[in-house]
Amino acid sequence: STNYAVAVWGRFTISGDNAKNTVYLQMNSLKPEDTAVYYCAVDFKGPC
């Protein structure tokens, strides 16, 4: 399962590589309002 904020819907794609233990965020059609520090974090208890 995946979810996206409305502001990035259709432009960003989240995916994962289990072998590399890594999650990716592909960001296309970037806009100036996407400027920010981006963080990742883990939810140990619930689904997306």
All heavy atoms as atom14 arrays in JSON, in Angstrom:
{
  "sequence": "STNYAVAVWGRFTISGDNAKNTVYLQMNSLKPEDTAVYYCAVDFKGPC",
  "atom14_mask": [
    [1, 1, 1, 1, 1, 1, 0, 0, 0, 0, 0, 0, 0, 0],
    [1, 1, 1, 1, 1, 1, 1, 0, 0, 0, 0, 0, 0, 0],
    [1, 1, 1, 1, 1, 1, 1, 1, 0, 0, 0, 0, 0, 0],
    [1, 1, 1, 1, 1, 1, 1, 1, 1, 1, 1, 1, 0, 0],
    [1, 1, 1, 1, 1, 0, 0, 0, 0, 0, 0, 0, 0, 0],
    [1, 1, 1, 1, 1, 1, 1, 0, 0, 0, 0, 0, 0, 0],
    [1, 1, 1, 1, 1, 0, 0, 0, 0, 0, 0, 0, 0, 0],
    [1, 1, 1, 1, 1, 1, 1, 0, 0, 0, 0, 0, 0, 0],
    [1, 1, 1, 1, 1, 1, 1, 1, 1, 1, 1, 1, 1, 1],
    [1, 1, 1, 1, 0, 0, 0, 0, 0, 0, 0, 0, 0, 0],
    [1, 1, 1, 1, 1, 1, 1, 1, 1, 1, 1, 0, 0, 0],
    [1, 1, 1, 1, 1, 1, 1, 1, 1, 1, 1, 0, 0, 0],
    [1, 1, 1, 1, 1, 1, 1, 0, 0, 0, 0, 0, 0, 0],
    [1, 1, 1, 1, 1, 1, 1, 1, 0, 0, 0, 0, 0, 0],
    [1, 1, 1, 1, 1, 1, 0, 0, 0, 0, 0, 0, 0, 0],
    [1, 1, 1, 1, 0, 0, 0, 0, 0, 0, 0, 0, 0, 0],
    [1, 1, 1, 1, 1, 1, 1, 1, 0, 0, 0, 0, 0, 0],
    [1, 1, 1, 1, 1, 1, 1, 1, 0, 0, 0, 0, 0, 0],
    [1, 1, 1, 1, 1, 0, 0, 0, 0, 0, 0, 0, 0, 0],
    [1, 1, 1, 1, 1, 1, 1, 1, 1, 0, 0, 0, 0, 0],
    [1, 1, 1, 1, 1, 1, 1, 1, 0, 0, 0, 0, 0, 0],
    [1, 1, 1, 1, 1, 1, 1, 0, 0, 0, 0, 0, 0, 0],
    [1, 1, 1, 1, 1, 1, 1, 0, 0, 0, 0, 0, 0, 0],
    [1, 1, 1, 1, 1, 1, 1, 1, 1, 1, 1, 1, 0, 0],
    [1, 1, 1, 1, 1, 1, 1, 1, 0, 0, 0, 0, 0, 0],
    [1, 1, 1, 1, 1, 1, 1, 1, 1, 0, 0, 0, 0, 0],
    [1, 1, 1, 1, 1, 1, 1, 1, 0, 0, 0, 0, 0, 0],
    [1, 1, 1, 1, 1, 1, 1, 1, 0, 0, 0, 0, 0, 0],
    [1, 1, 1, 1, 1, 1, 0, 0, 0, 0, 0, 0, 0, 0],
    [1, 1, 1, 1, 1, 1, 1, 1, 0, 0, 0, 0, 0, 0],
    [1, 1, 1, 1, 1, 1, 1, 1, 1, 0, 0, 0, 0, 0],
    [1, 1, 1, 1, 1, 1, 1, 0, 0, 0, 0, 0, 0, 0],
    [1, 1, 1, 1, 1, 1, 1, 1, 1, 0, 0, 0, 0, 0],
    [1, 1, 1, 1, 1, 1, 1, 1, 0, 0, 0, 0, 0, 0],
    [1, 1, 1, 1, 1, 1, 1, 0, 0, 0, 0, 0, 0, 0],
    [1, 1, 1, 1, 1, 0, 0, 0, 0, 0, 0, 0, 0, 0],
    [1, 1, 1, 1, 1, 1, 1, 0, 0, 0, 0, 0, 0, 0],
    [1, 1, 1, 1, 1, 1, 1, 1, 1, 1, 1, 1, 0, 0],
    [1, 1, 1, 1, 1, 1, 1, 1, 1, 1, 1, 1, 0, 0],
    [1, 1, 1, 1, 1, 1, 0, 0, 0, 0, 0, 0, 0, 0],
    [1, 1, 1, 1, 1, 0, 0, 0, 0, 0, 0, 0, 0, 0],
    [1, 1, 1, 1, 1, 1, 1, 0, 0, 0, 0, 0, 0, 0],
    [1, 1, 1, 1, 1, 1, 1, 1, 0, 0, 0, 0, 0, 0],
    [1, 1, 1, 1, 1, 1, 1, 1, 1, 1, 1, 0, 0, 0],
    [1, 1, 1, 1, 1, 1, 1, 1, 1, 0, 0, 0, 0, 0],
    [1, 1, 1, 1, 0, 0, 0, 0, 0, 0, 0, 0, 0, 0],
    [1, 1, 1, 1, 1, 1, 1, 0, 0, 0, 0, 0, 0, 0],
    [1, 1, 1, 1, 1, 1, 0, 0, 0, 0, 0, 0, 0, 0]
  ],
  "atom14_positions": [
    [[0.83, -1.2, 0.0], [0.0, 0.0, 0.0], [0.86, 1.26, 0.0], [1.95, 1.29, 0.57], [-0.92, 0.01, 1.21], [-0.18, 0.01, 2.41], [0.0, 0.0, 0.0], [0.0, 0.0, 0.0], [0.0, 0.0, 0.0], [0.0, 0.0, 0.0], [0.0, 0.0, 0.0], [0.0, 0.0, 0.0], [0.0, 0.0, 0.0], [0.0, 0.0, 0.0]],
    [[0.36, 2.28, -0.67], [1.03, 3.58, -0.72], [0.0, 4.68, -0.55], [-1.19, 4.47, -0.79], [1.77, 3.79, -2.06], [0.81, 3.71, -3.13], [2.84, 2.73, -2.28], [0.0, 0.0, 0.0], [0.0, 0.0, 0.0], [0.0, 0.0, 0.0], [0.0, 0.0, 0.0], [0.0, 0.0, 0.0], [0.0, 0.0, 0.0], [0.0, 0.0, 0.0]],
    [[0.46, 5.84, -0.14], [-0.38, 7.02, -0.04], [0.44, 8.24, -0.37], [1.67, 8.24, -0.18], [-0.97, 7.16, 1.37], [-2.39, 6.63, 1.45], [-3.32, 7.22, 0.92], [-2.55, 5.49, 2.11], [0.0, 0.0, 0.0], [0.0, 0.0, 0.0], [0.0, 0.0, 0.0], [0.0, 0.0, 0.0], [0.0, 0.0, 0.0], [0.0, 0.0, 0.0]],
    [[-0.24, 9.28, -0.85], [0.44, 10.51, -1.23], [-0.37, 11.71, -0.75], [-1.6, 11.69, -0.69], [0.57, 10.6, -2.75], [1.4, 9.5, -3.36], [0.81, 8.32, -3.81], [2.78, 9.64, -3.49], [1.57, 7.31, -4.36], [3.55, 8.63, -4.04], [2.94, 7.46, -4.47], [3.69, 6.47, -5.01], [0.0, 0.0, 0.0], [0.0, 0.0, 0.0]],
    [[0.36, 12.77, -0.44], [-0.3, 14.03, -0.17], [-0.87, 14.58, -1.47], [-0.33, 14.33, -2.56], [0.7, 15.02, 0.42], [0.0, 0.0, 0.0], [0.0, 0.0, 0.0], [0.0, 0.0, 0.0], [0.0, 0.0, 0.0], [0.0, 0.0, 0.0], [0.0, 0.0, 0.0], [0.0, 0.0, 0.0], [0.0, 0.0, 0.0], [0.0, 0.0, 0.0]],
    [[-1.93, 15.32, -1.36], [-2.59, 15.88, -2.54], [-1.61, 16.73, -3.35], [-1.61, 16.71, -4.58], [-3.82, 16.71, -2.12], [-4.38, 17.47, -3.32], [-4.88, 15.81, -1.51], [0.0, 0.0, 0.0], [0.0, 0.0, 0.0], [0.0, 0.0, 0.0], [0.0, 0.0, 0.0], [0.0, 0.0, 0.0], [0.0, 0.0, 0.0], [0.0, 0.0, 0.0]],
    [[-0.74, 17.44, -2.65], [0.18, 18.37, -3.32], [1.17, 17.67, -4.25], [1.72, 18.31, -5.16], [0.93, 19.18, -2.28], [0.0, 0.0, 0.0], [0.0, 0.0, 0.0], [0.0, 0.0, 0.0], [0.0, 0.0, 0.0], [0.0, 0.0, 0.0], [0.0, 0.0, 0.0], [0.0, 0.0, 0.0], [0.0, 0.0, 0.0], [0.0, 0.0, 0.0]],
    [[1.4, 16.38, -4.04], [2.41, 15.68, -4.85], [1.8, 14.58, -5.7], [2.5, 13.9, -6.45], [3.53, 15.09, -3.97], [4.13, 16.16, -3.08], [3.02, 13.92, -3.13], [0.0, 0.0, 0.0], [0.0, 0.0, 0.0], [0.0, 0.0, 0.0], [0.0, 0.0, 0.0], [0.0, 0.0, 0.0], [0.0, 0.0, 0.0], [0.0, 0.0, 0.0]],
    [[0.49, 14.4, -5.59], [-0.2, 13.32, -6.31], [0.07, 13.43, -7.81], [-0.09, 14.48, -8.4], [-1.7, 13.39, -6.02], [-2.45, 12.23, -6.56], [-3.01, 12.11, -7.79], [-2.7, 10.99, -5.89], [-3.6, 10.88, -7.92], [-3.42, 10.18, -6.78], [-2.39, 10.51, -4.62], [-3.84, 8.9, -6.42], [-2.8, 9.23, -4.28], [-3.53, 8.45, -5.18]],
    [[0.45, 12.31, -8.39], [0.7, 12.27, -9.83], [2.08, 12.73, -10.24], [2.47, 12.56, -11.39], [0.0, 0.0, 0.0], [0.0, 0.0, 0.0], [0.0, 0.0, 0.0], [0.0, 0.0, 0.0], [0.0, 0.0, 0.0], [0.0, 0.0, 0.0], [0.0, 0.0, 0.0], [0.0, 0.0, 0.0], [0.0, 0.0, 0.0], [0.0, 0.0, 0.0]],
    [[2.84, 13.3, -9.33], [4.21, 13.75, -9.64], [5.26, 12.93, -8.9], [6.36, 12.73, -9.43], [4.36, 15.23, -9.26], [3.41, 16.16, -9.99], [3.73, 17.63, -9.7], [3.58, 17.96, -8.28], [4.57, 18.44, -7.52], [5.77, 18.64, -8.03], [4.34, 18.74, -6.24], [0.0, 0.0, 0.0], [0.0, 0.0, 0.0], [0.0, 0.0, 0.0]],
    [[4.96, 12.48, -7.71], [5.9, 11.71, -6.9], [5.48, 10.25, -6.88], [4.29, 9.93, -6.88], [5.93, 12.23, -5.46], [6.54, 13.6, -5.28], [6.84, 14.42, -6.36], [6.83, 14.07, -4.01], [7.4, 15.68, -6.19], [7.39, 15.31, -3.8], [7.66, 16.12, -4.89], [0.0, 0.0, 0.0], [0.0, 0.0, 0.0], [0.0, 0.0, 0.0]],
    [[6.48, 9.37, -6.82], [6.23, 7.93, -6.71], [7.14, 7.34, -5.65], [8.35, 7.53, -5.7], [6.49, 7.23, -8.05], [5.67, 7.81, -9.07], [6.15, 5.75, -7.94], [0.0, 0.0, 0.0], [0.0, 0.0, 0.0], [0.0, 0.0, 0.0], [0.0, 0.0, 0.0], [0.0, 0.0, 0.0], [0.0, 0.0, 0.0], [0.0, 0.0, 0.0]],
    [[6.54, 6.63, -4.72], [7.31, 5.97, -3.66], [7.46, 4.49, -4.0], [6.53, 3.87, -4.54], [6.64, 6.16, -2.28], [7.59, 5.76, -1.16], [5.31, 5.44, -2.21], [7.08, 6.18, 0.23], [0.0, 0.0, 0.0], [0.0, 0.0, 0.0], [0.0, 0.0, 0.0], [0.0, 0.0, 0.0], [0.0, 0.0, 0.0], [0.0, 0.0, 0.0]],
    [[8.63, 3.94, -3.7], [8.87, 2.52, -3.97], [9.92, 2.02, -3.01], [10.52, 2.8, -2.26], [9.32, 2.33, -5.42], [10.56, 2.99, -5.65], [0.0, 0.0, 0.0], [0.0, 0.0, 0.0], [0.0, 0.0, 0.0], [0.0, 0.0, 0.0], [0.0, 0.0, 0.0], [0.0, 0.0, 0.0], [0.0, 0.0, 0.0], [0.0, 0.0, 0.0]],
    [[10.14, 0.7, -3.02], [11.12, 0.14, -2.12], [11.9, -0.98, -2.77], [11.44, -1.6, -3.75], [0.0, 0.0, 0.0], [0.0, 0.0, 0.0], [0.0, 0.0, 0.0], [0.0, 0.0, 0.0], [0.0, 0.0, 0.0], [0.0, 0.0, 0.0], [0.0, 0.0, 0.0], [0.0, 0.0, 0.0], [0.0, 0.0, 0.0], [0.0, 0.0, 0.0]],
    [[13.08, -1.22, -2.26], [13.94, -2.32, -2.7], [14.31, -3.11, -1.46], [15.15, -2.68, -0.67], [15.18, -1.76, -3.4], [16.05, -2.85, -4.0], [16.07, -3.98, -3.47], [16.74, -2.57, -5.0], [0.0, 0.0, 0.0], [0.0, 0.0, 0.0], [0.0, 0.0, 0.0], [0.0, 0.0, 0.0], [0.0, 0.0, 0.0], [0.0, 0.0, 0.0]],
    [[13.67, -4.26, -1.3], [13.9, -5.05, -0.09], [15.36, -5.52, 0.0], [15.92, -5.58, 1.1], [12.96, -6.25, -0.06], [11.51, -5.85, 0.16], [11.23, -4.77, 0.66], [10.59, -6.71, -0.23], [0.0, 0.0, 0.0], [0.0, 0.0, 0.0], [0.0, 0.0, 0.0], [0.0, 0.0, 0.0], [0.0, 0.0, 0.0], [0.0, 0.0, 0.0]],
    [[15.94, -5.86, -1.11], [17.32, -6.36, -1.1], [18.29, -5.29, -0.6], [19.29, -5.61, 0.05], [17.71, -6.82, -2.5], [0.0, 0.0, 0.0], [0.0, 0.0, 0.0], [0.0, 0.0, 0.0], [0.0, 0.0, 0.0], [0.0, 0.0, 0.0], [0.0, 0.0, 0.0], [0.0, 0.0, 0.0], [0.0, 0.0, 0.0], [0.0, 0.0, 0.0]],
    [[17.98, -4.04, -0.9], [18.84, -2.94, -0.48], [18.35, -2.29, 0.81], [18.98, -1.36, 1.31], [18.94, -1.89, -1.58], [19.63, -2.41, -2.84], [19.78, -1.3, -3.88], [20.51, -1.82, -5.12], [20.69, -0.76, -6.15], [0.0, 0.0, 0.0], [0.0, 0.0, 0.0], [0.0, 0.0, 0.0], [0.0, 0.0, 0.0], [0.0, 0.0, 0.0]],
    [[17.21, -2.78, 1.32], [16.65, -2.22, 2.55], [16.5, -0.69, 2.44], [16.84, 0.06, 3.36], [17.51, -2.57, 3.77], [16.69, -2.75, 5.04], [15.51, -3.1, 4.99], [17.31, -2.51, 6.17], [0.0, 0.0, 0.0], [0.0, 0.0, 0.0], [0.0, 0.0, 0.0], [0.0, 0.0, 0.0], [0.0, 0.0, 0.0], [0.0, 0.0, 0.0]],
    [[15.98, -0.29, 1.3], [15.92, 1.14, 0.97], [14.55, 1.47, 0.36], [14.0, 0.68, -0.41], [17.03, 1.51, -0.02], [18.3, 1.26, 0.58], [16.96, 2.98, -0.42], [0.0, 0.0, 0.0], [0.0, 0.0, 0.0], [0.0, 0.0, 0.0], [0.0, 0.0, 0.0], [0.0, 0.0, 0.0], [0.0, 0.0, 0.0], [0.0, 0.0, 0.0]],
    [[14.05, 2.64, 0.72], [12.84, 3.19, 0.11], [13.23, 4.42, -0.7], [14.09, 5.19, -0.28], [11.79, 3.54, 1.18], [10.7, 4.42, 0.64], [11.18, 2.25, 1.75], [0.0, 0.0, 0.0], [0.0, 0.0, 0.0], [0.0, 0.0, 0.0], [0.0, 0.0, 0.0], [0.0, 0.0, 0.0], [0.0, 0.0, 0.0], [0.0, 0.0, 0.0]],
    [[12.58, 4.58, -1.83], [12.88, 5.69, -2.73], [11.67, 6.6, -2.88], [10.53, 6.17, -2.76], [13.27, 5.17, -4.11], [14.44, 4.22, -4.09], [14.25, 2.84, -4.14], [15.75, 4.69, -4.0], [15.32, 1.97, -4.11], [16.83, 3.83, -3.97], [16.6, 2.46, -4.02], [17.67, 1.6, -3.98], [0.0, 0.0, 0.0], [0.0, 0.0, 0.0]],
    [[11.95, 7.85, -3.2], [10.91, 8.8, -3.56], [11.32, 9.45, -4.87], [12.25, 10.27, -4.89], [10.71, 9.86, -2.48], [9.53, 10.82, -2.72], [8.21, 10.07, -2.6], [9.58, 11.99, -1.74], [0.0, 0.0, 0.0], [0.0, 0.0, 0.0], [0.0, 0.0, 0.0], [0.0, 0.0, 0.0], [0.0, 0.0, 0.0], [0.0, 0.0, 0.0]],
    [[10.68, 9.03, -5.95], [10.94, 9.62, -7.25], [10.08, 10.86, -7.4], [8.85, 10.77, -7.32], [10.62, 8.62, -8.37], [10.81, 9.17, -9.77], [12.24, 9.47, -10.11], [13.13, 8.67, -9.81], [12.5, 10.61, -10.72], [0.0, 0.0, 0.0], [0.0, 0.0, 0.0], [0.0, 0.0, 0.0], [0.0, 0.0, 0.0], [0.0, 0.0, 0.0]],
    [[10.72, 11.99, -7.62], [10.01, 13.27, -7.69], [10.17, 13.84, -9.09], [11.28, 14.16, -9.52], [10.57, 14.24, -6.65], [10.59, 13.66, -5.24], [11.07, 14.87, -3.99], [12.74, 15.23, -4.5], [0.0, 0.0, 0.0], [0.0, 0.0, 0.0], [0.0, 0.0, 0.0], [0.0, 0.0, 0.0], [0.0, 0.0, 0.0], [0.0, 0.0, 0.0]],
    [[9.07, 13.95, -9.8], [9.06, 14.5, -11.16], [8.28, 15.8, -11.19], [7.52, 16.1, -10.26], [8.44, 13.49, -12.13], [9.21, 12.19, -12.21], [10.43, 12.16, -12.05], [8.51, 11.11, -12.45], [0.0, 0.0, 0.0], [0.0, 0.0, 0.0], [0.0, 0.0, 0.0], [0.0, 0.0, 0.0], [0.0, 0.0, 0.0], [0.0, 0.0, 0.0]],
    [[8.45, 16.53, -12.26], [7.73, 17.8, -12.45], [7.83, 18.69, -11.21], [6.83, 19.22, -10.72], [6.26, 17.52, -12.79], [6.15, 16.72, -13.95], [0.0, 0.0, 0.0], [0.0, 0.0, 0.0], [0.0, 0.0, 0.0], [0.0, 0.0, 0.0], [0.0, 0.0, 0.0], [0.0, 0.0, 0.0], [0.0, 0.0, 0.0], [0.0, 0.0, 0.0]],
    [[9.04, 18.82, -10.73], [9.23, 19.56, -9.48], [8.89, 21.03, -9.63], [9.1, 21.64, -10.7], [10.68, 19.39, -9.01], [10.95, 18.03, -8.34], [12.44, 17.74, -8.29], [10.35, 18.01, -6.94], [0.0, 0.0, 0.0], [0.0, 0.0, 0.0], [0.0, 0.0, 0.0], [0.0, 0.0, 0.0], [0.0, 0.0, 0.0], [0.0, 0.0, 0.0]],
    [[8.36, 21.59, -8.54], [7.94, 22.98, -8.51], [8.72, 23.72, -7.41], [9.17, 23.09, -6.46], [6.44, 23.07, -8.19], [5.55, 22.27, -9.12], [4.1, 22.33, -8.63], [3.19, 21.5, -9.53], [1.78, 21.56, -9.06], [0.0, 0.0, 0.0], [0.0, 0.0, 0.0], [0.0, 0.0, 0.0], [0.0, 0.0, 0.0], [0.0, 0.0, 0.0]],
    [[8.84, 25.01, -7.51], [9.53, 25.75, -6.44], [8.92, 25.48, -5.06], [9.67, 25.46, -4.07], [9.33, 27.21, -6.86], [9.25, 27.16, -8.35], [8.5, 25.88, -8.65], [0.0, 0.0, 0.0], [0.0, 0.0, 0.0], [0.0, 0.0, 0.0], [0.0, 0.0, 0.0], [0.0, 0.0, 0.0], [0.0, 0.0, 0.0], [0.0, 0.0, 0.0]],
    [[7.64, 25.25, -4.99], [7.01, 24.99, -3.69], [7.35, 23.62, -3.13], [6.98, 23.31, -2.0], [5.48, 25.15, -3.77], [4.83, 24.4, -4.91], [4.6, 25.28, -6.13], [5.52, 26.07, -6.49], [3.52, 25.16, -6.75], [0.0, 0.0, 0.0], [0.0, 0.0, 0.0], [0.0, 0.0, 0.0], [0.0, 0.0, 0.0], [0.0, 0.0, 0.0]],
    [[8.06, 22.8, -3.88], [8.55, 21.52, -3.36], [9.86, 21.7, -2.59], [10.35, 20.74, -1.98], [8.78, 20.52, -4.49], [7.49, 20.11, -5.18], [6.49, 19.88, -4.48], [7.49, 20.02, -6.43], [0.0, 0.0, 0.0], [0.0, 0.0, 0.0], [0.0, 0.0, 0.0], [0.0, 0.0, 0.0], [0.0, 0.0, 0.0], [0.0, 0.0, 0.0]],
    [[10.41, 22.9, -2.62], [11.65, 23.17, -1.9], [11.46, 22.96, -0.41], [10.56, 23.53, 0.2], [12.12, 24.61, -2.17], [12.44, 24.75, -3.55], [13.33, 24.96, -1.32], [0.0, 0.0, 0.0], [0.0, 0.0, 0.0], [0.0, 0.0, 0.0], [0.0, 0.0, 0.0], [0.0, 0.0, 0.0], [0.0, 0.0, 0.0], [0.0, 0.0, 0.0]],
    [[12.29, 22.1, 0.17], [12.17, 21.75, 1.58], [13.3, 20.79, 1.95], [13.99, 20.26, 1.08], [10.82, 21.09, 1.87], [0.0, 0.0, 0.0], [0.0, 0.0, 0.0], [0.0, 0.0, 0.0], [0.0, 0.0, 0.0], [0.0, 0.0, 0.0], [0.0, 0.0, 0.0], [0.0, 0.0, 0.0], [0.0, 0.0, 0.0], [0.0, 0.0, 0.0]],
    [[13.43, 20.56, 3.25], [14.24, 19.44, 3.73], [13.31, 18.22, 3.79], [12.24, 18.3, 4.39], [14.87, 19.72, 5.09], [15.66, 18.5, 5.57], [15.76, 20.95, 5.02], [0.0, 0.0, 0.0], [0.0, 0.0, 0.0], [0.0, 0.0, 0.0], [0.0, 0.0, 0.0], [0.0, 0.0, 0.0], [0.0, 0.0, 0.0], [0.0, 0.0, 0.0]],
    [[13.74, 17.15, 3.17], [12.93, 15.93, 3.13], [13.48, 14.91, 4.12], [14.69, 14.66, 4.15], [12.93, 15.35, 1.71], [12.02, 16.12, 0.77], [12.37, 17.4, 0.35], [10.82, 15.57, 0.32], [11.53, 18.12, -0.5], [9.98, 16.28, -0.53], [10.34, 17.56, -0.93], [9.51, 18.26, -1.76], [0.0, 0.0, 0.0], [0.0, 0.0, 0.0]],
    [[12.56, 14.33, 4.9], [12.92, 13.37, 5.92], [12.17, 12.06, 5.69], [11.04, 12.06, 5.2], [12.52, 13.88, 7.31], [13.13, 15.18, 7.72], [12.51, 16.39, 7.43], [14.32, 15.22, 8.44], [13.05, 17.6, 7.83], [14.88, 16.42, 8.84], [14.24, 17.6, 8.53], [14.78, 18.8, 8.93], [0.0, 0.0, 0.0], [0.0, 0.0, 0.0]],
    [[12.79, 10.96, 6.09], [12.05, 9.7, 6.15], [12.02, 9.23, 7.6], [12.87, 9.61, 8.42], [12.63, 8.64, 5.23], [14.32, 8.12, 5.59], [0.0, 0.0, 0.0], [0.0, 0.0, 0.0], [0.0, 0.0, 0.0], [0.0, 0.0, 0.0], [0.0, 0.0, 0.0], [0.0, 0.0, 0.0], [0.0, 0.0, 0.0], [0.0, 0.0, 0.0]],
    [[11.02, 8.41, 7.9], [10.84, 7.89, 9.25], [10.05, 6.6, 9.16], [9.49, 6.28, 8.1], [10.11, 8.92, 10.12], [0.0, 0.0, 0.0], [0.0, 0.0, 0.0], [0.0, 0.0, 0.0], [0.0, 0.0, 0.0], [0.0, 0.0, 0.0], [0.0, 0.0, 0.0], [0.0, 0.0, 0.0], [0.0, 0.0, 0.0], [0.0, 0.0, 0.0]],
    [[9.99, 5.87, 10.26], [9.35, 4.55, 10.25], [8.19, 4.5, 11.25], [8.3, 5.03, 12.37], [10.38, 3.43, 10.55], [11.09, 3.66, 11.87], [9.73, 2.06, 10.51], [0.0, 0.0, 0.0], [0.0, 0.0, 0.0], [0.0, 0.0, 0.0], [0.0, 0.0, 0.0], [0.0, 0.0, 0.0], [0.0, 0.0, 0.0], [0.0, 0.0, 0.0]],
    [[7.11, 3.89, 10.82], [5.97, 3.59, 11.69], [6.01, 2.09, 11.97], [5.75, 1.28, 11.06], [4.68, 3.99, 11.0], [3.44, 3.65, 11.82], [3.59, 3.13, 12.94], [2.33, 3.88, 11.31], [0.0, 0.0, 0.0], [0.0, 0.0, 0.0], [0.0, 0.0, 0.0], [0.0, 0.0, 0.0], [0.0, 0.0, 0.0], [0.0, 0.0, 0.0]],
    [[6.32, 1.71, 13.2], [6.45, 0.31, 13.55], [5.12, -0.38, 13.81], [5.08, -1.6, 13.97], [7.35, 0.15, 14.77], [8.8, 0.45, 14.51], [9.4, 1.58, 15.01], [9.58, -0.42, 13.75], [10.73, 1.87, 14.77], [10.91, -0.16, 13.49], [11.49, 0.99, 14.02], [0.0, 0.0, 0.0], [0.0, 0.0, 0.0], [0.0, 0.0, 0.0]],
    [[4.06, 0.4, 13.89], [2.82, -0.19, 14.4], [1.7, -0.31, 13.38], [0.84, -1.18, 13.52], [2.31, 0.63, 15.59], [3.25, 0.62, 16.79], [2.65, 1.39, 17.95], [3.57, 1.32, 19.18], [3.0, 2.08, 20.32], [0.0, 0.0, 0.0], [0.0, 0.0, 0.0], [0.0, 0.0, 0.0], [0.0, 0.0, 0.0], [0.0, 0.0, 0.0]],
    [[1.67, 0.55, 12.38], [0.49, 0.55, 11.53], [0.81, 0.5, 10.06], [1.96, 0.68, 9.63], [0.0, 0.0, 0.0], [0.0, 0.0, 0.0], [0.0, 0.0, 0.0], [0.0, 0.0, 0.0], [0.0, 0.0, 0.0], [0.0, 0.0, 0.0], [0.0, 0.0, 0.0], [0.0, 0.0, 0.0], [0.0, 0.0, 0.0], [0.0, 0.0, 0.0]],
    [[-0.22, 0.29, 9.22], [-0.04, 0.3, 7.78], [0.05, 1.73, 7.25], [-0.24, 2.68, 7.97], [-1.3, -0.4, 7.26], [-2.33, -0.04, 8.28], [-1.6, 0.02, 9.6], [0.0, 0.0, 0.0], [0.0, 0.0, 0.0], [0.0, 0.0, 0.0], [0.0, 0.0, 0.0], [0.0, 0.0, 0.0], [0.0, 0.0, 0.0], [0.0, 0.0, 0.0]],
    [[0.4, 1.84, 5.99], [0.45, 3.15, 5.36], [-0.97, 3.68, 5.18], [-1.82, 3.02, 4.58], [1.15, 3.03, 4.01], [1.08, 4.51, 2.99], [0.0, 0.0, 0.0], [0.0, 0.0, 0.0], [0.0, 0.0, 0.0], [0.0, 0.0, 0.0], [0.0, 0.0, 0.0], [0.0, 0.0, 0.0], [0.0, 0.0, 0.0], [0.0, 0.0, 0.0]]
  ]
}
